[in-house]
Amino acid sequence: MDRNQWEELKGATRQKLEFSGWVDAVRDKCREYIEQQDGKPFRHADLVSHVHNESLKMVPDHLKADVLKQIKQSLMEAEQGPAPPSE
């Protein structure tokens, strides 16, 4: 998978996560954690560790499958080499 393909996949995945409501749900989890701190200082790492596992579980299964399929397809194409020019 070359850099351009990777960037396209990342961009498409971000859009799909946004569209699915995942981004909003993770943002809500972050806000919830911050509110629970009740004004006490906390580290960014604490916030991340609090929401990380749960946020991964919230990614829709169909999106995980789609991204995995695209990665596998790209790797198979790279293994086969470039397609011959069509005439």
Protein backbone atom coordinates (compact mmCIF):
# COMPACT_ATOMS: atom_id res chain seq x y z
CA MET A 1 0.00 0.00 0.00
CA ASP A 2 1.64 3.22 -1.08
CA ARG A 3 1.40 6.50 0.79
CA ASN A 4 -1.35 7.91 -1.44
CA GLN A 5 -3.52 4.82 -1.01
CA TRP A 6 -2.97 4.94 2.74
CA GLU A 7 -3.95 8.61 2.92
CA GLU A 8 -7.08 7.94 0.83
CA LEU A 9 -8.04 5.06 3.11
CA LYS A 10 -7.50 7.17 6.24
CA GLY A 11 -9.59 10.01 4.81
CA ALA A 12 -12.41 7.71 3.74
CA THR A 13 -12.37 6.00 7.13
CA ARG A 14 -12.55 9.34 8.95
CA GLN A 15 -15.56 10.33 6.85
CA LYS A 16 -17.30 7.03 7.53
CA LEU A 17 -16.65 7.32 11.26
CA GLU A 18 -18.02 10.86 11.22
CA PHE A 19 -21.10 9.80 9.25
CA SER A 20 -21.77 6.81 11.53
CA GLY A 21 -21.89 9.03 14.62
CA TRP A 22 -18.78 7.43 16.14
CA VAL A 23 -16.88 10.72 16.35
CA ASP A 24 -19.73 12.38 18.24
CA ALA A 25 -20.02 9.40 20.60
CA VAL A 26 -16.29 9.51 21.42
CA ARG A 27 -16.47 13.27 21.88
CA ASP A 28 -19.36 12.73 24.31
CA LYS A 29 -17.31 10.15 26.25
CA CYS A 30 -14.46 12.67 26.50
CA ARG A 31 -16.80 15.39 27.75
CA GLU A 32 -18.27 12.98 30.27
CA TYR A 33 -14.80 12.17 31.62
CA ILE A 34 -13.88 15.85 31.84
CA GLU A 35 -17.10 16.62 33.72
CA GLN A 36 -16.37 13.76 36.13
CA GLN A 37 -13.07 15.42 36.99
CA ASP A 38 -15.08 18.29 38.49
CA GLY A 39 -12.46 20.89 37.67
CA LYS A 40 -9.52 18.82 38.93
CA PRO A 41 -6.50 18.84 36.65
CA PHE A 42 -5.89 15.71 34.59
CA ARG A 43 -3.41 14.58 32.00
CA HIS A 44 -4.25 14.03 28.36
CA ALA A 45 -2.97 10.47 28.76
CA ASP A 46 -5.58 9.87 31.48
CA LEU A 47 -8.36 10.97 29.16
CA VAL A 48 -7.08 8.80 26.33
CA SER A 49 -6.70 5.73 28.52
CA HIS A 50 -10.22 6.24 29.83
CA VAL A 51 -11.91 6.34 26.41
CA HIS A 52 -9.54 4.28 24.25
CA ASN A 53 -10.86 0.73 24.70
CA GLU A 54 -14.49 1.74 24.75
CA SER A 55 -14.08 3.88 21.63
CA LEU A 56 -12.54 0.95 19.75
CA LYS A 57 -15.52 -1.21 20.70
CA MET A 58 -17.89 1.46 19.39
CA VAL A 59 -16.53 1.34 15.81
CA PRO A 60 -19.30 -0.23 13.71
CA ASP A 61 -18.50 -3.81 12.67
CA HIS A 62 -19.37 -3.13 9.03
CA LEU A 63 -16.82 -0.30 8.98
CA LYS A 64 -14.10 -2.50 10.48
CA ALA A 65 -14.83 -5.16 7.87
CA ASP A 66 -14.81 -2.62 5.03
CA VAL A 67 -11.46 -1.13 6.04
CA LEU A 68 -9.92 -4.57 6.48
CA LYS A 69 -11.20 -5.60 3.05
CA GLN A 70 -9.67 -2.50 1.45
CA ILE A 71 -6.31 -3.12 3.14
CA LYS A 72 -6.26 -6.77 2.06
CA GLN A 73 -7.20 -5.82 -1.50
CA SER A 74 -4.46 -3.22 -1.64
CA LEU A 75 -1.88 -5.67 -0.31
CA MET A 76 -2.92 -8.30 -2.85
CA GLU A 77 -2.63 -5.77 -5.66
CA ALA A 78 0.82 -4.73 -4.46
CA GLU A 79 1.90 -8.36 -4.33
CA GLN A 80 0.76 -8.94 -7.92
CA GLY A 81 2.54 -5.88 -9.21
CA PRO A 82 1.20 -3.18 -11.49
CA ALA A 83 -1.49 -4.08 -13.99
CA PRO A 84 -0.38 -4.24 -17.62
CA PRO A 85 -1.46 -1.27 -19.74
CA SER A 86 -4.74 -1.80 -21.55
CA GLU A 87 -4.86 -1.36 -25.28
